[in-house]
C-alpha atoms as a PDB file:
ATOM      1  CA  UNK A   1     129.869  71.769 106.374  1.00  0.00           C
ATOM      2  CA  UNK A   2     129.232  71.459 102.622  1.00  0.00           C
ATOM      3  CA  UNK A   3     126.729  69.344 100.743  1.00  0.00           C
ATOM      4  CA  UNK A   4     127.495  67.823  97.429  1.00  0.00           C
ATOM      5  CA  UNK A   5     127.153  70.402  94.644  1.00  0.00           C
ATOM      6  CA  UNK A   6     124.250  69.825  92.232  1.00  0.00           C
ATOM      7  CA  UNK A   7     124.751  69.720  88.470  1.00  0.00           C
ATOM      8  CA  UNK A   8     124.459  73.149  86.911  1.00  0.00           C
ATOM      9  CA  UNK A   9     121.281  72.699  84.799  1.00  0.00           C
ATOM     10  CA  UNK A  10     119.514  70.674  87.459  1.00  0.00           C
ATOM     11  CA  UNK A  11     120.348  73.273  90.145  1.00  0.00           C
ATOM     12  CA  UNK A  12     119.110  76.179  87.814  1.00  0.00           C
ATOM     13  CA  UNK A  13     115.954  74.289  86.871  1.00  0.00           C
ATOM     14  CA  UNK A  14     115.119  73.437  90.480  1.00  0.00           C
ATOM     15  CA  UNK A  15     115.878  76.932  91.639  1.00  0.00           C
ATOM     16  CA  UNK A  16     113.801  78.675  89.074  1.00  0.00           C
ATOM     17  CA  UNK A  17     110.973  76.197  89.464  1.00  0.00           C
ATOM     18  CA  UNK A  18     111.095  76.602  93.294  1.00  0.00           C
ATOM     19  CA  UNK A  19     111.101  80.385  93.021  1.00  0.00           C
ATOM     20  CA  UNK A  20     108.114  80.433  90.689  1.00  0.00           C
ATOM     21  CA  UNK A  21     106.179  78.064  93.008  1.00  0.00           C
ATOM     22  CA  UNK A  22     106.912  80.455  95.946  1.00  0.00           C
ATOM     23  CA  UNK A  23     105.746  83.490  93.897  1.00  0.00           C
ATOM     24  CA  UNK A  24     102.455  81.780  93.207  1.00  0.00           C
ATOM     25  CA  UNK A  25     102.185  80.647  96.801  1.00  0.00           C
ATOM     26  CA  UNK A  26     102.914  84.217  97.971  1.00  0.00           C
ATOM     27  CA  UNK A  27     100.134  85.533  95.779  1.00  0.00           C
ATOM     28  CA  UNK A  28      97.700  83.241  97.665  1.00  0.00           C
ATOM     29  CA  UNK A  29      98.690  84.162 101.254  1.00  0.00           C
ATOM     30  CA  UNK A  30      97.109  87.098 103.037  1.00  0.00           C
ATOM     31  CA  UNK A  31      94.280  88.246 105.206  1.00  0.00           C
ATOM     32  CA  UNK A  32      91.917  88.643 102.284  1.00  0.00           C
ATOM     33  CA  UNK A  33      91.700  86.567  99.143  1.00  0.00           C
ATOM     34  CA  UNK A  34      93.887  83.687 100.372  1.00  0.00           C
ATOM     35  CA  UNK A  35      94.002  80.359  98.672  1.00  0.00           C
ATOM     36  CA  UNK A  36      94.097  79.335  94.949  1.00  0.00           C
ATOM     37  CA  UNK A  37      90.445  80.105  94.125  1.00  0.00           C
ATOM     38  CA  UNK A  38      90.685  83.952  94.588  1.00  0.00           C
ATOM     39  CA  UNK A  39      93.836  84.021  92.482  1.00  0.00           C
ATOM     40  CA  UNK A  40      92.216  81.992  89.670  1.00  0.00           C
ATOM     41  CA  UNK A  41      89.205  84.222  89.782  1.00  0.00           C
ATOM     42  CA  UNK A  42      91.273  87.362  89.648  1.00  0.00           C
ATOM     43  CA  UNK A  43      93.179  85.905  86.694  1.00  0.00           C
ATOM     44  CA  UNK A  44      89.985  85.086  84.915  1.00  0.00           C
ATOM     45  CA  UNK A  45      88.725  88.701  85.497  1.00  0.00           C
ATOM     46  CA  UNK A  46      92.078  89.967  84.146  1.00  0.00           C
ATOM     47  CA  UNK A  47      91.742  87.867  80.959  1.00  0.00           C
ATOM     48  CA  UNK A  48      87.981  88.460  80.314  1.00  0.00           C
ATOM     49  CA  UNK A  49      87.911  92.046  81.365  1.00  0.00           C
ATOM     50  CA  UNK A  50      85.063  91.412  83.810  1.00  0.00           C
ATOM     51  CA  UNK A  51      85.102  93.112  87.259  1.00  0.00           C
ATOM     52  CA  UNK A  52      82.841  90.813  89.341  1.00  0.00           C
ATOM     53  CA  UNK A  53      84.990  91.440  92.427  1.00  0.00           C
ATOM     54  CA  UNK A  54      86.908  94.738  92.126  1.00  0.00           C
ATOM     55  CA  UNK A  55      88.175  94.545  95.722  1.00  0.00           C
ATOM     56  CA  UNK A  56      89.828  91.125  95.082  1.00  0.00           C
ATOM     57  CA  UNK A  57      91.474  92.448  91.941  1.00  0.00           C
ATOM     58  CA  UNK A  58      92.740  95.489  93.824  1.00  0.00           C
ATOM     59  CA  UNK A  59      94.186  93.435  96.660  1.00  0.00           C
ATOM     60  CA  UNK A  60      95.985  91.007  94.383  1.00  0.00           C
ATOM     61  CA  UNK A  61      97.284  93.258  91.631  1.00  0.00           C
ATOM     62  CA  UNK A  62      97.801  96.563  93.443  1.00  0.00           C
ATOM     63  CA  UNK A  63      98.830  95.338  96.889  1.00  0.00           C
ATOM     64  CA  UNK A  64     100.051  91.807  96.863  1.00  0.00           C
ATOM     65  CA  UNK A  65     101.789  91.562  93.424  1.00  0.00           C
ATOM     66  CA  UNK A  66     104.086  94.619  94.100  1.00  0.00           C
ATOM     67  CA  UNK A  67     105.053  93.044  97.409  1.00  0.00           C
ATOM     68  CA  UNK A  68     105.932  89.804  95.698  1.00  0.00           C
ATOM     69  CA  UNK A  69     107.894  91.530  93.028  1.00  0.00           C
ATOM     70  CA  UNK A  70     109.731  93.660  95.652  1.00  0.00           C
ATOM     71  CA  UNK A  71     110.647  90.566  97.599  1.00  0.00           C
ATOM     72  CA  UNK A  72     112.163  88.895  94.641  1.00  0.00           C
ATOM     73  CA  UNK A  73     114.183  91.999  93.648  1.00  0.00           C
ATOM     74  CA  UNK A  74     115.259  92.956  97.144  1.00  0.00           C
ATOM     75  CA  UNK A  75     116.043  89.435  98.313  1.00  0.00           C
ATOM     76  CA  UNK A  76     118.062  88.685  95.200  1.00  0.00           C
ATOM     77  CA  UNK A  77     119.937  92.040  95.354  1.00  0.00           C
ATOM     78  CA  UNK A  78     120.885  91.810  98.966  1.00  0.00           C
ATOM     79  CA  UNK A  79     122.097  88.227  98.609  1.00  0.00           C
ATOM     80  CA  UNK A  80     124.178  89.117  95.550  1.00  0.00           C
ATOM     81  CA  UNK A  81     125.658  92.150  97.335  1.00  0.00           C
ATOM     82  CA  UNK A  82     126.495  89.974 100.375  1.00  0.00           C
ATOM     83  CA  UNK A  83     128.220  87.260  98.284  1.00  0.00           C
ATOM     84  CA  UNK A  84     130.226  89.999  96.545  1.00  0.00           C
ATOM     85  CA  UNK A  85     131.319  91.625  99.788  1.00  0.00           C
ATOM     86  CA  UNK A  86     132.329  88.283 101.342  1.00  0.00           C
ATOM     87  CA  UNK A  87     134.352  87.371  98.282  1.00  0.00           C
ATOM     88  CA  UNK A  88     136.060  90.802  97.974  1.00  0.00           C
ATOM     89  CA  UNK A  89     137.039  90.915 101.647  1.00  0.00           C
ATOM     90  CA  UNK A  90     137.719  87.194 101.902  1.00  0.00           C
ATOM     91  CA  UNK A  91     135.763  87.081 105.095  1.00  0.00           C
ATOM     92  CA  UNK A  92     132.667  84.873 105.645  1.00  0.00           C
ATOM     93  CA  UNK A  93     131.232  87.195 108.230  1.00  0.00           C
ATOM     94  CA  UNK A  94     130.984  90.289 106.031  1.00  0.00           C
ATOM     95  CA  UNK A  95     127.604  91.604 104.973  1.00  0.00           C
ATOM     96  CA  UNK A  96     126.477  94.608 102.720  1.00  0.00           C
ATOM     97  CA  UNK A  97     126.335  96.711 105.880  1.00  0.00           C
ATOM     98  CA  UNK A  98     130.233  96.710 106.173  1.00  0.00           C
ATOM     99  CA  UNK A  99     130.839 100.055 104.464  1.00  0.00           C
ATOM    100  CA  UNK A 100     128.002 101.878 106.106  1.00  0.00           C
ATOM    101  CA  UNK A 101     125.476 101.809 103.219  1.00  0.00           C
ATOM    102  CA  UNK A 102     122.574 100.620 105.296  1.00  0.00           C
ATOM    103  CA  UNK A 103     123.101 102.918 108.224  1.00  0.00           C
ATOM    104  CA  UNK A 104     123.689 105.772 105.802  1.00  0.00           C
ATOM    105  CA  UNK A 105     120.320 105.027 104.133  1.00  0.00           C
ATOM    106  CA  UNK A 106     118.767 104.863 107.486  1.00  0.00           C
ATOM    107  CA  UNK A 107     120.010 108.388 108.327  1.00  0.00           C
ATOM    108  CA  UNK A 108     118.582 109.773 105.121  1.00  0.00           C
ATOM    109  CA  UNK A 109     115.167 108.150 105.742  1.00  0.00           C
ATOM    110  CA  UNK A 110     115.035 109.091 109.429  1.00  0.00           C
ATOM    111  CA  UNK A 111     115.877 112.711 108.583  1.00  0.00           C
ATOM    112  CA  UNK A 112     113.154 112.645 105.867  1.00  0.00           C
ATOM    113  CA  UNK A 113     110.582 111.276 108.211  1.00  0.00           C
ATOM    114  CA  UNK A 114     111.612 113.846 110.844  1.00  0.00           C
ATOM    115  CA  UNK A 115     111.103 116.607 108.318  1.00  0.00           C
ATOM    116  CA  UNK A 116     107.709 115.159 107.370  1.00  0.00           C
ATOM    117  CA  UNK A 117     108.829 114.778 103.655  1.00  0.00           C
ATOM    118  CA  UNK A 118     106.675 112.849 101.087  1.00  0.00           C
ATOM    119  CA  UNK A 119     107.236 109.180 100.768  1.00  0.00           C
ATOM    120  CA  UNK A 120     109.175 109.501  97.418  1.00  0.00           C
ATOM    121  CA  UNK A 121     111.390 112.241  99.003  1.00  0.00           C
ATOM    122  CA  UNK A 122     112.138 109.855 101.954  1.00  0.00           C
ATOM    123  CA  UNK A 123     113.121 107.087  99.530  1.00  0.00           C
ATOM    124  CA  UNK A 124     115.431 109.436  97.608  1.00  0.00           C
ATOM    125  CA  UNK A 125     116.938 110.724 100.880  1.00  0.00           C
ATOM    126  CA  UNK A 126     117.600 107.098 101.989  1.00  0.00           C
ATOM    127  CA  UNK A 127     119.206 106.237  98.648  1.00  0.00           C
ATOM    128  CA  UNK A 128     121.402 109.399  98.735  1.00  0.00           C
ATOM    129  CA  UNK A 129     122.375 108.694 102.370  1.00  0.00           C
ATOM    130  CA  UNK A 130     123.598 105.192 101.591  1.00  0.00           C
ATOM    131  CA  UNK A 131     125.707 106.320  98.633  1.00  0.00           C
ATOM    132  CA  UNK A 132     127.122 109.274 100.610  1.00  0.00           C
ATOM    133  CA  UNK A 133     128.183 107.074 103.476  1.00  0.00           C
ATOM    134  CA  UNK A 134     130.139 104.748 101.239  1.00  0.00           C
ATOM    135  CA  UNK A 135     131.662 107.749  99.401  1.00  0.00           C
ATOM    136  CA  UNK A 136     132.906 109.083 102.688  1.00  0.00           C
ATOM    137  CA  UNK A 137     134.352 105.656 103.631  1.00  0.00           C
ATOM    138  CA  UNK A 138     135.989 105.382 100.190  1.00  0.00           C
ATOM    139  CA  UNK A 139     137.430 108.897 100.551  1.00  0.00           C
ATOM    140  CA  UNK A 140     139.033 108.009 103.877  1.00  0.00           C
ATOM    141  CA  UNK A 141     140.428 104.940 102.293  1.00  0.00           C
ATOM    142  CA  UNK A 142     141.896 107.019  99.436  1.00  0.00           C
ATOM    143  CA  UNK A 143     143.581 109.366 101.930  1.00  0.00           C
ATOM    144  CA  UNK A 144     145.281 106.558 103.903  1.00  0.00           C
ATOM    145  CA  UNK A 145     147.128 104.899 101.073  1.00  0.00           C
ATOM    146  CA  UNK A 146     150.113 103.581 102.870  1.00  0.00           C
ATOM    147  CA  UNK A 147     148.104 101.034 104.910  1.00  0.00           C
ATOM    148  CA  UNK A 148     146.209  97.891 103.863  1.00  0.00           C
ATOM    149  CA  UNK A 149     143.379  99.303 101.743  1.00  0.00           C
ATOM    150  CA  UNK A 150     140.895  96.579 102.717  1.00  0.00           C
ATOM    151  CA  UNK A 151     141.565  97.001 106.463  1.00  0.00           C
ATOM    152  CA  UNK A 152     141.272 100.770 106.084  1.00  0.00           C
ATOM    153  CA  UNK A 153     137.897 100.429 104.426  1.00  0.00           C
ATOM    154  CA  UNK A 154     136.658  98.141 107.171  1.00  0.00           C
ATOM    155  CA  UNK A 155     137.850 100.430 110.006  1.00  0.00           C
ATOM    156  CA  UNK A 156     136.499 103.546 108.324  1.00  0.00           C
ATOM    157  CA  UNK A 157     133.194 101.799 107.819  1.00  0.00           C
ATOM    158  CA  UNK A 158     132.947 100.922 111.452  1.00  0.00           C
ATOM    159  CA  UNK A 159     133.712 104.532 112.468  1.00  0.00           C
ATOM    160  CA  UNK A 160     131.183 106.026 109.993  1.00  0.00           C
ATOM    161  CA  UNK A 161     128.473 103.527 111.212  1.00  0.00           C
ATOM    162  CA  UNK A 162     129.166 104.640 114.802  1.00  0.00           C
ATOM    163  CA  UNK A 163     128.954 108.330 113.872  1.00  0.00           C
ATOM    164  CA  UNK A 164     125.780 107.969 111.786  1.00  0.00           C
ATOM    165  CA  UNK A 165     124.224 105.744 114.475  1.00  0.00           C
ATOM    166  CA  UNK A 166     124.692 108.606 116.889  1.00  0.00           C
ATOM    167  CA  UNK A 167     122.978 110.997 114.510  1.00  0.00           C
ATOM    168  CA  UNK A 168     120.027 108.601 114.144  1.00  0.00           C
ATOM    169  CA  UNK A 169     119.676 108.348 117.937  1.00  0.00           C
ATOM    170  CA  UNK A 170     119.651 112.108 118.200  1.00  0.00           C
ATOM    171  CA  UNK A 171     116.843 112.432 115.666  1.00  0.00           C
ATOM    172  CA  UNK A 172     114.870 109.758 117.507  1.00  0.00           C
ATOM    173  CA  UNK A 173     115.180 111.733 120.692  1.00  0.00           C
ATOM    174  CA  UNK A 174     114.044 114.990 119.022  1.00  0.00           C
ATOM    175  CA  UNK A 175     111.153 113.212 116.982  1.00  0.00           C
ATOM    176  CA  UNK A 176     107.538 113.496 117.900  1.00  0.00           C
ATOM    177  CA  UNK A 177     106.906 110.405 120.115  1.00  0.00           C
ATOM    178  CA  UNK A 178     103.316 110.017 118.966  1.00  0.00           C
ATOM    179  CA  UNK A 179     103.817 110.370 115.174  1.00  0.00           C
ATOM    180  CA  UNK A 180     107.375 110.538 113.879  1.00  0.00           C
ATOM    181  CA  UNK A 181     109.115 108.145 116.339  1.00  0.00           C
ATOM    182  CA  UNK A 182     106.798 105.062 115.633  1.00  0.00           C
ATOM    183  CA  UNK A 183     107.283 105.685 111.877  1.00  0.00           C
ATOM    184  CA  UNK A 184     111.057 105.919 112.263  1.00  0.00           C
ATOM    185  CA  UNK A 185     111.173 102.824 114.411  1.00  0.00           C
ATOM    186  CA  UNK A 186     109.032 100.727 111.979  1.00  0.00           C
ATOM    187  CA  UNK A 187     111.163 101.910 108.994  1.00  0.00           C
ATOM    188  CA  UNK A 188     114.344 100.836 110.796  1.00  0.00           C
ATOM    189  CA  UNK A 189     112.920  97.348 111.374  1.00  0.00           C
ATOM    190  CA  UNK A 190     112.217  96.832 107.599  1.00  0.00           C
ATOM    191  CA  UNK A 191     108.823  96.229 105.943  1.00  0.00           C
ATOM    192  CA  UNK A 192     107.100  96.015 102.588  1.00  0.00           C
ATOM    193  CA  UNK A 193     103.685  96.953 103.824  1.00  0.00           C
ATOM    194  CA  UNK A 194     103.469 100.148 101.764  1.00  0.00           C
ATOM    195  CA  UNK A 195     105.224  98.953  98.674  1.00  0.00           C
ATOM    196  CA  UNK A 196     103.556  99.962  95.460  1.00  0.00           C
ATOM    197  CA  UNK A 197     104.125  99.289  91.740  1.00  0.00           C
ATOM    198  CA  UNK A 198     105.833 102.610  91.497  1.00  0.00           C
ATOM    199  CA  UNK A 199     108.377 101.633  94.185  1.00  0.00           C
ATOM    200  CA  UNK A 200     109.174  98.441  92.247  1.00  0.00           C
ATOM    201  CA  UNK A 201     109.587 100.264  88.981  1.00  0.00           C
ATOM    202  CA  UNK A 202     111.744 102.954  90.549  1.00  0.00           C
ATOM    203  CA  UNK A 203     114.118 100.613  92.395  1.00  0.00           C
ATOM    204  CA  UNK A 204     114.433  98.015  89.581  1.00  0.00           C
ATOM    205  CA  UNK A 205     116.642  99.985  87.233  1.00  0.00           C
ATOM    206  CA  UNK A 206     119.197 100.780  90.050  1.00  0.00           C
ATOM    207  CA  UNK A 207     119.259  97.161  91.170  1.00  0.00           C
ATOM    208  CA  UNK A 208     119.809  95.949  87.584  1.00  0.00           C
ATOM    209  CA  UNK A 209     122.598  98.479  86.914  1.00  0.00           C
ATOM    210  CA  UNK A 210     124.299  97.453  90.147  1.00  0.00           C
ATOM    211  CA  UNK A 211     123.916  93.693  89.425  1.00  0.00           C
ATOM    212  CA  UNK A 212     125.372  93.884  85.845  1.00  0.00           C
ATOM    213  CA  UNK A 213     128.988  94.351  86.915  1.00  0.00           C
ATOM    214  CA  UNK A 214     128.633  91.711  89.603  1.00  0.00           C
ATOM    215  CA  UNK A 215     127.325  89.155  87.092  1.00  0.00           C
ATOM    216  CA  UNK A 216     129.807  90.046  84.331  1.00  0.00           C
ATOM    217  CA  UNK A 217     132.874  90.099  86.667  1.00  0.00           C
ATOM    218  CA  UNK A 218     131.927  87.041  88.753  1.00  0.00           C
ATOM    219  CA  UNK A 219     134.788  85.038  87.197  1.00  0.00           C
ATOM    220  CA  UNK A 220     137.257  87.594  88.370  1.00  0.00           C
ATOM    221  CA  UNK A 221     135.867  87.063  91.848  1.00  0.00           C
ATOM    222  CA  UNK A 222     137.238  83.569  91.852  1.00  0.00           C
ATOM    223  CA  UNK A 223     140.770  85.021  91.249  1.00  0.00           C
ATOM    224  CA  UNK A 224     140.314  87.762  93.810  1.00  0.00           C
ATOM    225  CA  UNK A 225     139.603  85.260  96.504  1.00  0.00           C
ATOM    226  CA  UNK A 226     143.060  83.814  95.890  1.00  0.00           C
ATOM    227  CA  UNK A 227     144.609  86.872  97.331  1.00  0.00           C
ATOM    228  CA  UNK A 228     145.964  90.223  96.183  1.00  0.00           C
ATOM    229  CA  UNK A 229     149.380  89.090  94.880  1.00  0.00           C
ATOM    230  CA  UNK A 230     148.049  85.965  93.116  1.00  0.00           C
ATOM    231  CA  UNK A 231     145.344  88.030  91.398  1.00  0.00           C
ATOM    232  CA  UNK A 232     147.907  90.556  90.133  1.00  0.00           C
ATOM    233  CA  UNK A 233     150.193  87.825  88.994  1.00  0.00           C
ATOM    234  CA  UNK A 234     147.314  86.448  86.870  1.00  0.00           C
ATOM    235  CA  UNK A 235     146.854  89.874  85.188  1.00  0.00           C
ATOM    236  CA  UNK A 236     143.903  91.229  87.141  1.00  0.00           C
ATOM    237  CA  UNK A 237     143.785  94.988  87.887  1.00  0.00           C
ATOM    238  CA  UNK A 238     142.721  94.408  91.508  1.00  0.00           C
ATOM    239  CA  UNK A 239     142.148  98.095  92.380  1.00  0.00           C
ATOM    240  CA  UNK A 240     139.770  98.813  89.448  1.00  0.00           C
ATOM    241  CA  UNK A 241     137.991  95.480  89.847  1.00  0.00           C
ATOM    242  CA  UNK A 242     137.402  96.055  93.506  1.00  0.00           C
ATOM    243  CA  UNK A 243     136.142  99.579  92.906  1.00  0.00           C
ATOM    244  CA  UNK A 244     133.617  98.385  90.255  1.00  0.00           C
ATOM    245  CA  UNK A 245     132.339  95.472  92.359  1.00  0.00           C
ATOM    246  CA  UNK A 246     132.060  97.542  95.518  1.00  0.00           C
ATOM    247  CA  UNK A 247     130.193 100.300  93.580  1.00  0.00           C
ATOM    248  CA  UNK A 248     127.806  97.733  92.117  1.00  0.00           C
ATOM    249  CA  UNK A 249     127.055  96.010  95.465  1.00  0.00           C
ATOM    250  CA  UNK A 250     126.742  99.380  97.134  1.00  0.00           C
ATOM    251  CA  UNK A 251     124.244 100.621  94.496  1.00  0.00           C
ATOM    252  CA  UNK A 252     122.178  97.470  94.898  1.00  0.00           C
ATOM    253  CA  UNK A 253     122.048  97.698  98.594  1.00  0.00           C
ATOM    254  CA  UNK A 254     121.250 101.482  98.765  1.00  0.00           C
ATOM    255  CA  UNK A 255     118.460 101.017  96.267  1.00  0.00           C
ATOM    256  CA  UNK A 256     116.819  98.107  98.081  1.00  0.00           C
ATOM    257  CA  UNK A 257     117.168  99.681 101.599  1.00  0.00           C
ATOM    258  CA  UNK A 258     115.624 102.902 100.289  1.00  0.00           C
ATOM    259  CA  UNK A 259     112.198 101.309  99.649  1.00  0.00           C
ATOM    260  CA  UNK A 260     112.032  98.559 102.318  1.00  0.00           C
ATOM    261  CA  UNK A 261     114.044  99.800 105.165  1.00  0.00           C
ATOM    262  CA  UNK A 262     116.782  97.686 106.786  1.00  0.00           C
ATOM    263  CA  UNK A 263     116.304  93.942 106.288  1.00  0.00           C
ATOM    264  CA  UNK A 264     119.333  92.405 107.838  1.00  0.00           C
ATOM    265  CA  UNK A 265     121.041  89.060 107.714  1.00  0.00           C
ATOM    266  CA  UNK A 266     120.030  88.229 104.132  1.00  0.00           C
ATOM    267  CA  UNK A 267     123.378  89.315 102.802  1.00  0.00           C
ATOM    268  CA  UNK A 268     125.177  87.317 105.479  1.00  0.00           C
ATOM    269  CA  UNK A 269     123.259  84.064 105.730  1.00  0.00           C
ATOM    270  CA  UNK A 270     122.133  83.391 102.125  1.00  0.00           C
ATOM    271  CA  UNK A 271     125.637  83.419 100.515  1.00  0.00           C
ATOM    272  CA  UNK A 272     126.755  80.703 102.917  1.00  0.00           C
ATOM    273  CA  UNK A 273     123.721  78.483 102.149  1.00  0.00           C
ATOM    274  CA  UNK A 274     124.438  78.935  98.391  1.00  0.00           C
ATOM    275  CA  UNK A 275     128.043  78.133  98.911  1.00  0.00           C
ATOM    276  CA  UNK A 276     127.078  74.895 100.653  1.00  0.00           C
ATOM    277  CA  UNK A 277     124.794  73.919  97.797  1.00  0.00           C
ATOM    278  CA  UNK A 278     126.768  74.817  94.700  1.00  0.00           C
ATOM    279  CA  UNK A 279     130.351  75.345  95.924  1.00  0.00           C
ATOM    280  CA  UNK A 280     132.578  78.395  96.010  1.00  0.00           C
ATOM    281  CA  UNK A 281     132.818  79.037  92.252  1.00  0.00           C
ATOM    282  CA  UNK A 282     131.306  82.550  91.857  1.00  0.00           C
ATOM    283  CA  UNK A 283     130.068  81.731  88.400  1.00  0.00           C
ATOM    284  CA  UNK A 284     127.605  79.462  90.119  1.00  0.00           C
ATOM    285  CA  UNK A 285     127.521  80.953  93.613  1.00  0.00           C
ATOM    286  CA  UNK A 286     126.217  84.350  92.567  1.00  0.00           C
ATOM    287  CA  UNK A 287     123.190  83.151  90.656  1.00  0.00           C
ATOM    288  CA  UNK A 288     122.419  80.624  93.323  1.00  0.00           C
ATOM    289  CA  UNK A 289     122.605  83.326  95.993  1.00  0.00           C
ATOM    290  CA  UNK A 290     120.217  85.531  94.060  1.00  0.00           C
ATOM    291  CA  UNK A 291     117.667  82.688  93.683  1.00  0.00           C
ATOM    292  CA  UNK A 292     117.912  81.742  97.339  1.00  0.00           C
ATOM    293  CA  UNK A 293     117.745  85.352  98.490  1.00  0.00           C
ATOM    294  CA  UNK A 294     114.585  85.987  96.470  1.00  0.00           C
ATOM    295  CA  UNK A 295     113.054  82.714  97.767  1.00  0.00           C
ATOM    296  CA  UNK A 296     114.029  83.453 101.383  1.00  0.00           C
ATOM    297  CA  UNK A 297     112.500  86.856 101.416  1.00  0.00           C
ATOM    298  CA  UNK A 298     109.309  85.618  99.795  1.00  0.00           C
ATOM    299  CA  UNK A 299     108.963  83.032 102.575  1.00  0.00           C
ATOM    300  CA  UNK A 300     109.768  85.648 105.291  1.00  0.00           C
ATOM    301  CA  UNK A 301     107.268  88.087 103.817  1.00  0.00           C
ATOM    302  CA  UNK A 302     104.548  85.413 103.786  1.00  0.00           C
ATOM    303  CA  UNK A 303     105.217  84.747 107.433  1.00  0.00           C
ATOM    304  CA  UNK A 304     105.283  88.466 108.293  1.00  0.00           C
ATOM    305  CA  UNK A 305     101.674  88.870 106.987  1.00  0.00           C
ATOM    306  CA  UNK A 306     100.200  85.641 108.245  1.00  0.00           C
ATOM    307  CA  UNK A 307     101.538  84.597 111.588  1.00  0.00           C
ATOM    308  CA  UNK A 308      99.939  87.364 113.664  1.00  0.00           C
ATOM    309  CA  UNK A 309      97.004  89.723 113.597  1.00  0.00           C
ATOM    310  CA  UNK A 310      99.365  92.602 112.803  1.00  0.00           C
ATOM    311  CA  UNK A 311     102.210  92.541 110.312  1.00  0.00           C
ATOM    312  CA  UNK A 312     105.484  91.553 111.878  1.00  0.00           C
ATOM    313  CA  UNK A 313     108.488  93.704 110.627  1.00  0.00           C
ATOM    314  CA  UNK A 314     110.735  91.788 108.377  1.00  0.00           C
ATOM    315  CA  UNK A 315     113.890  92.654 110.240  1.00  0.00           C
ATOM    316  CA  UNK A 316     112.660  90.735 113.280  1.00  0.00           C
ATOM    317  CA  UNK A 317     111.979  87.568 111.283  1.00  0.00           C
ATOM    318  CA  UNK A 318     115.294  87.629 109.354  1.00  0.00           C
ATOM    319  CA  UNK A 319     117.180  88.254 112.604  1.00  0.00           C
ATOM    320  CA  UNK A 320     115.449  85.214 114.141  1.00  0.00           C
ATOM    321  CA  UNK A 321     117.065  82.975 111.555  1.00  0.00           C
ATOM    322  CA  UNK A 322     120.228  84.950 110.811  1.00  0.00           C
ATOM    323  CA  UNK A 323     121.438  85.485 114.396  1.00  0.00           C
ATOM    324  CA  UNK A 324     121.493  81.713 115.271  1.00  0.00           C
ATOM    325  CA  UNK A 325     123.282  81.054 111.978  1.00  0.00           C
ATOM    326  CA  UNK A 326     125.819  83.677 112.786  1.00  0.00           C
ATOM    327  CA  UNK A 327     126.497  82.112 116.187  1.00  0.00           C
ATOM    328  CA  UNK A 328     126.912  78.761 114.520  1.00  0.00           C
ATOM    329  CA  UNK A 329     129.527  80.218 112.235  1.00  0.00           C
ATOM    330  CA  UNK A 330     131.467  81.558 115.263  1.00  0.00           C
ATOM    331  CA  UNK A 331     131.281  78.298 117.172  1.00  0.00           C
ATOM    332  CA  UNK A 332     132.065  76.049 114.210  1.00  0.00           C
ATOM    333  CA  UNK A 333     134.901  78.371 113.109  1.00  0.00           C
ATOM    334  CA  UNK A 334     133.910  77.950 109.476  1.00  0.00           C
ATOM    335  CA  UNK A 335     136.626  78.978 107.145  1.00  0.00           C
ATOM    336  CA  UNK A 336     135.719  77.102 103.901  1.00  0.00           C
ATOM    337  CA  UNK A 337     135.497  79.010 100.681  1.00  0.00           C
END
């Protein structure tokens, strides 16, 4: 199923306008200071310098704004990484988790929680774990050169994910069931409850650095989707291009997972929706996926902090939408690019 692609400028305008509206709406949703009046009051305090309600200002600028910014950055990054992986592997069921980056980051974070490390150290451990997992997969792919490189990476990724998953399970068994185990479980489900401005500032450079090659090389992605031989015939160095694109997508995924935990399905579902709206051309598909990913995570985060008395982990909500969509893909046998 594919809807008629919208004109480029109209699609961009609608996308940016819709994202801005969701950002403003997200700033108004919460247990305290919900609605437009508190936001307008906080803006007036910010402009005039008056502090008539310091608690409101703290909630909006120190708690809610970092969450909104993180949702935009993480959602856009995961969607861009997912679209890149699907194009590289020419498989609509591929997600950023394929090469083990998410499970590697999980092992780093779980180990950090188990060792009672500070929050920053846990984030660094998660980031390092994600990168190391992909490096191991890439190393295995380099050793097995005589076989299909794409198939080798996929199989190596599956094996590494299984091995790391066993390590995570072992740590959960050894963890303190009253303190460490709940923290580990909550992190694995994904959440932006404890996001601060420092987290956003620390993750943003890595995400930007990872997105730059994806954006600059998005026209080559169109050629890579034609196949290995066709791309080489058109003068594309497929090996170097794949390495750069995989490195960029991996960096984005590792950086985002390190601060929010595992938020699944965004990298799988959003690229498909973007492809339905703007078509398969990566020059339009990648920006559209980034806008939709940011908007989707904003909506999910608003639901997470408003539908129940306690905050629902993001991974539960994204799976609620992503899993049925995945099943629809399997049943419909969607192959369109």
